[in-house]
Protein backbone atom coordinates (compact mmCIF):
# COMPACT_ATOMS: atom_id res chain seq x y z
CA MET A 1 304.66 68.15 59.37
CA ALA A 2 308.17 69.32 58.94
CA LEU A 3 305.99 72.67 60.07
CA GLY A 4 305.20 71.00 63.41
CA LEU A 5 301.33 71.05 62.25
CA GLY A 6 300.79 66.91 62.08
CA SER A 7 298.83 67.15 65.32
CA GLU A 8 296.48 69.90 63.46
CA LEU A 9 296.00 67.83 60.00
CA VAL A 10 292.34 66.09 59.94
CA GLY A 11 292.59 64.23 56.68
CA VAL A 12 295.11 63.65 53.62
CA THR A 13 295.43 61.96 50.38
CA ARG A 14 296.45 57.71 50.36
CA TYR A 15 299.65 59.18 48.75
CA CYS A 16 300.62 61.28 51.97
CA VAL A 17 302.85 58.46 53.32
CA HIS A 18 305.44 60.28 55.11
CA PRO A 19 306.29 60.35 58.01
CA ARG A 20 304.68 56.70 58.11
CA GLU A 21 304.27 56.74 61.56
CA THR A 22 302.06 59.83 61.41
CA THR A 23 300.20 59.45 58.70
CA ALA A 24 299.38 55.90 59.25
CA GLY A 25 296.78 57.26 61.63
CA ILE A 26 294.82 60.30 59.80
CA PRO A 27 291.61 59.79 57.63
CA LYS A 28 292.28 59.04 53.95
CA VAL A 29 290.59 60.92 51.99
CA GLY A 30 290.96 59.57 48.35
CA GLY A 31 293.13 60.13 45.72
CA THR A 32 294.71 63.38 44.04
CA LYS A 33 292.79 62.59 41.06
CA ASN A 34 289.78 61.11 42.99
CA PRO A 35 289.12 62.85 46.13
CA ASP A 36 286.19 62.10 48.20
CA LEU A 37 284.82 65.61 48.34
CA ALA A 38 281.88 64.71 50.72
CA ALA A 39 284.52 63.14 53.46
CA ILE A 40 286.76 66.60 53.63
CA ARG A 41 284.16 68.50 53.85
CA SER A 42 282.57 66.49 56.92
CA LEU A 43 285.88 67.05 58.49
CA GLY A 44 286.02 70.56 58.16
CA PRO A 45 289.33 71.90 57.75
CA ASP A 46 290.46 75.28 57.93
CA LEU A 47 292.41 74.96 55.08
CA VAL A 48 292.98 72.41 52.05
CA PHE A 49 296.15 72.45 50.35
CA ALA A 50 296.45 71.08 46.60
CA ASN A 51 298.40 71.24 43.80
CA ALA A 52 297.52 72.73 40.31
CA GLU A 53 299.30 69.59 38.61
CA GLU A 54 297.89 66.47 40.81
CA ASN A 55 294.42 67.48 42.14
CA ARG A 56 291.51 68.34 38.97
CA ARG A 57 290.54 71.91 38.91
CA GLU A 58 286.91 70.48 38.88
CA ASP A 59 287.54 69.19 42.12
CA LEU A 60 289.14 72.48 43.22
CA ASP A 61 286.48 74.51 42.16
CA ALA A 62 284.00 72.20 43.91
CA LEU A 63 285.80 72.80 47.65
CA LYS A 64 286.57 76.11 47.01
CA ARG A 65 282.42 77.06 47.52
CA ASP A 66 283.15 75.42 51.09
CA LEU A 67 286.21 75.55 52.06
CA ALA A 68 289.67 77.27 51.65
CA VAL A 69 291.87 76.09 49.28
CA ASP A 70 295.72 76.84 48.91
CA VAL A 71 296.65 75.69 45.34
CA SER A 72 300.23 75.54 44.54
CA HIS A 73 302.21 74.69 41.27
CA PRO A 74 306.23 75.22 41.67
CA ARG A 75 307.81 74.49 38.59
CA ARG A 76 312.21 75.88 39.31
CA VAL A 77 313.14 74.47 42.75
CA ALA A 78 313.55 78.39 42.98
CA ASP A 79 309.84 78.50 43.37
CA VAL A 80 309.87 76.80 46.80
CA PRO A 81 311.56 79.03 49.17
CA PRO A 82 309.23 81.84 48.66
CA LEU A 83 306.42 78.84 48.57
CA LEU A 84 307.50 77.83 52.14
CA ARG A 85 307.16 81.23 53.18
CA HIS A 86 304.20 81.46 52.09
CA PHE A 87 302.70 78.51 53.60
CA GLY A 88 304.41 79.69 57.37
CA ARG A 89 302.10 82.84 56.97
CA ARG A 90 299.07 80.71 56.36
CA THR A 91 299.91 78.59 58.70
CA GLY A 92 301.49 81.17 61.47
CA THR A 93 304.69 78.85 61.47
CA GLU A 94 306.61 81.82 59.71
CA ARG A 95 309.98 81.20 62.07
CA ILE A 96 310.09 77.28 61.07
CA ALA A 97 309.32 77.89 57.40
CA GLU A 98 311.57 80.98 57.23
CA GLU A 99 314.78 77.90 58.20
CA PHE A 100 313.69 76.07 55.67
CA SER A 101 313.50 78.51 53.08
CA ALA A 102 316.81 79.22 54.06
CA LYS A 103 318.48 76.15 54.09
CA VAL A 104 316.67 75.10 50.28
CA GLU A 105 318.01 78.95 49.14
CA GLU A 106 321.65 77.92 50.63
CA GLY A 107 321.30 74.09 48.94
CA LEU A 108 320.12 75.75 45.44
CA GLN A 109 323.32 78.15 45.87
CA ARG A 110 326.07 74.99 46.13
CA ILE A 111 324.50 73.26 43.80
CA GLU A 112 324.36 76.09 41.16
CA ARG A 113 327.69 77.06 41.66
CA ALA A 114 329.47 73.40 41.30
CA ARG A 115 327.08 73.09 37.99
CA GLN A 116 329.25 76.17 36.75
CA SER A 117 332.01 74.12 36.62
CA ARG A 118 331.30 70.68 34.96
CA PRO A 119 330.42 69.65 31.88
CA ALA A 120 326.57 69.05 30.87
CA PHE A 121 325.27 65.70 29.97
CA ARG A 122 321.62 64.71 28.58
CA CYS A 123 319.09 63.36 30.66
CA LEU A 124 316.29 61.55 29.78
CA TYR A 125 313.80 61.22 33.36
CA LEU A 126 311.02 58.43 32.40
CA VAL A 127 307.76 58.70 34.46
CA TRP A 128 305.60 55.98 32.89
CA LYS A 129 305.48 52.52 30.94
CA ASN A 130 302.95 51.50 28.47
CA PRO A 131 302.92 54.14 26.67
CA TRP A 132 306.54 55.71 27.87
CA MET A 133 306.43 59.07 29.06
CA LEU A 134 309.23 61.59 30.12
CA ALA A 135 309.50 64.15 32.12
CA GLY A 136 308.84 67.71 29.81
CA PRO A 137 311.12 70.74 30.17
CA ARG A 138 308.88 72.58 32.23
CA THR A 139 308.65 70.63 34.94
CA TYR A 140 309.99 71.09 38.41
CA ILE A 141 311.89 67.29 37.38
CA ALA A 142 313.22 69.05 34.83
CA ASP A 143 314.45 71.77 36.86
CA LEU A 144 316.23 69.85 39.58
CA ILE A 145 317.74 67.97 36.22
CA ARG A 146 319.40 70.85 34.83
CA LEU A 147 320.85 72.07 38.54
CA ALA A 148 322.49 69.06 38.40
CA GLY A 149 324.11 69.93 34.82
CA GLY A 150 321.76 67.68 32.77
CA VAL A 151 320.23 69.23 29.89
CA PRO A 152 316.90 67.79 28.79
CA SER A 153 317.37 65.47 25.69
CA PHE A 154 313.85 66.47 24.09
CA GLU A 155 312.48 69.53 23.70
CA GLU A 156 308.97 70.78 24.99
CA ASP A 157 305.96 69.14 23.52
CA PRO A 158 304.70 71.11 21.07
CA ARG A 159 300.91 69.94 22.22
CA GLY A 160 301.68 71.55 25.54
CA SER A 161 301.77 68.33 28.06
CA ASP A 162 304.44 68.15 30.54
CA TYR A 163 304.82 64.56 30.35
CA PRO A 164 304.64 63.33 26.45
CA VAL A 165 304.20 60.30 25.44
CA THR A 166 306.89 58.73 23.66
CA ASP A 167 308.44 55.30 22.14
CA GLU A 168 311.14 53.11 22.55
CA GLU A 169 312.85 54.49 19.04
CA ALA A 170 312.57 57.82 20.10
CA ILE A 171 314.59 57.50 22.96
CA ILE A 172 317.53 55.60 21.79
CA ALA A 173 317.35 58.24 19.22
CA ALA A 174 317.94 60.86 21.61
CA ARG A 175 321.36 59.72 22.68
CA PRO A 176 320.91 60.24 26.81
CA ASP A 177 324.14 59.92 28.86
CA VAL A 178 322.10 59.20 31.67
CA LEU A 179 318.82 57.66 31.31
CA VAL A 180 316.74 58.13 35.24
CA LEU A 181 313.78 55.45 36.33
CA PRO A 182 311.68 56.79 39.63
CA ASP A 183 309.84 54.08 41.69
CA GLU A 184 306.82 56.34 41.22
CA PRO A 185 304.56 57.37 39.46
CA PHE A 186 305.50 53.92 37.57
CA PRO A 187 307.69 51.79 39.71
CA PHE A 188 310.15 50.90 37.89
CA ARG A 189 312.55 48.21 38.73
CA GLU A 190 316.05 46.46 38.25
CA PRO A 191 314.41 44.67 35.26
CA ASP A 192 312.96 47.78 33.66
CA ALA A 193 316.86 48.88 34.05
CA GLU A 194 318.14 45.76 32.60
CA TYR A 195 315.29 46.34 29.53
CA TRP A 196 317.26 49.45 29.19
CA ARG A 197 321.07 48.39 29.42
CA ARG A 198 320.08 46.20 26.88
CA ARG A 199 319.74 49.07 24.26
CA LEU A 200 321.33 51.78 25.14
CA PRO A 201 325.26 51.86 24.57
CA ALA A 202 327.13 51.03 27.50
CA SER A 203 328.30 54.33 28.70
CA CYS A 204 324.94 55.46 29.17
CA PRO A 205 324.16 54.54 33.07
CA VAL A 206 320.59 53.74 33.85
CA VAL A 207 319.90 55.12 37.52
CA LEU A 208 316.70 53.62 39.70
CA VAL A 209 315.68 56.80 41.88
CA PRO A 210 313.23 57.11 44.50
CA GLY A 211 310.73 58.91 42.55
CA ASP A 212 309.46 61.69 45.40
CA ASP A 213 312.59 62.89 45.92
CA TRP A 214 312.38 64.20 42.49
CA CYS A 215 309.06 65.64 42.31
CA TRP A 216 307.71 66.02 45.70
CA HIS A 217 308.60 69.46 46.46
CA GLY A 218 308.44 72.25 49.74
CA VAL A 219 310.83 70.73 52.72
CA ARG A 220 311.28 67.64 50.59
CA THR A 221 313.16 69.55 47.97
CA LEU A 222 315.93 69.05 50.35
CA ARG A 223 316.29 65.60 49.59
CA GLY A 224 315.49 66.62 45.58
CA LEU A 225 318.58 68.77 45.77
CA ALA A 226 321.12 66.05 47.11
CA ALA A 227 319.40 63.58 44.51
CA ALA A 228 320.72 66.20 41.94
CA ALA A 229 324.16 66.33 43.31
CA SER A 230 323.98 62.16 43.03
CA LEU A 231 322.90 61.97 39.59
CA SER A 232 325.32 64.89 38.33
CA ALA A 233 328.15 62.61 40.43
CA ALA A 234 327.10 59.62 38.39
CA ALA A 235 326.88 61.17 34.96
CA ARG A 236 330.48 62.48 36.10
CA ALA A 237 331.87 59.38 36.98
CA VAL A 238 330.63 57.75 33.25
CA SER A 239 332.64 60.95 31.47
CA CYS A 240 335.83 60.35 33.39
CA ARG A 241 336.33 56.84 32.30
């Protein structure tokens, strides 16, 4: 949408909800893990955008037999500007893509400069409940946390999962300075925050955040950088008490 191609969209997943006034009227072709391949083919798109983390390889391979498919998977905020430029080249929107790329690069430089003058804090970002799952250190989410000045409290999962399963005892033992609860993919709410406030030290803020600010990349990265700055401010406020 941000590239000015809203009128060119012929289909979206049911999770593509921004901006609502535009996506509401576009045919839905299933979810990221269970796309309706027949519906996608019937719409005759010139190009299908996909994400290697969200979409299953077998679905992408099936679509590639008939359609042009562009697959991306940025793991760092620094990956986003070149990715936006790539999108611009593929869609003939180089000028506006360059404008957004430059804005992300400027925001990245600002937050990097600010991070260098602030003490680091240990941070845990939960993505699921029953079982508890974390955003691992190789994820885009973890890179935003690092830009905020946070240090993931868990090491990389030896089994290779980007979102390792853990338990309540391990979370408490990690002694996070900040615990982050997003509203997606699991819809954490205030009762969940209160649950953890009763179990963690009073010095550890439990922060409820919009999940798409932290895991949606591209133009949305501008909101992610703002969210990282807000998390940094919350952690700094606690450390100054």
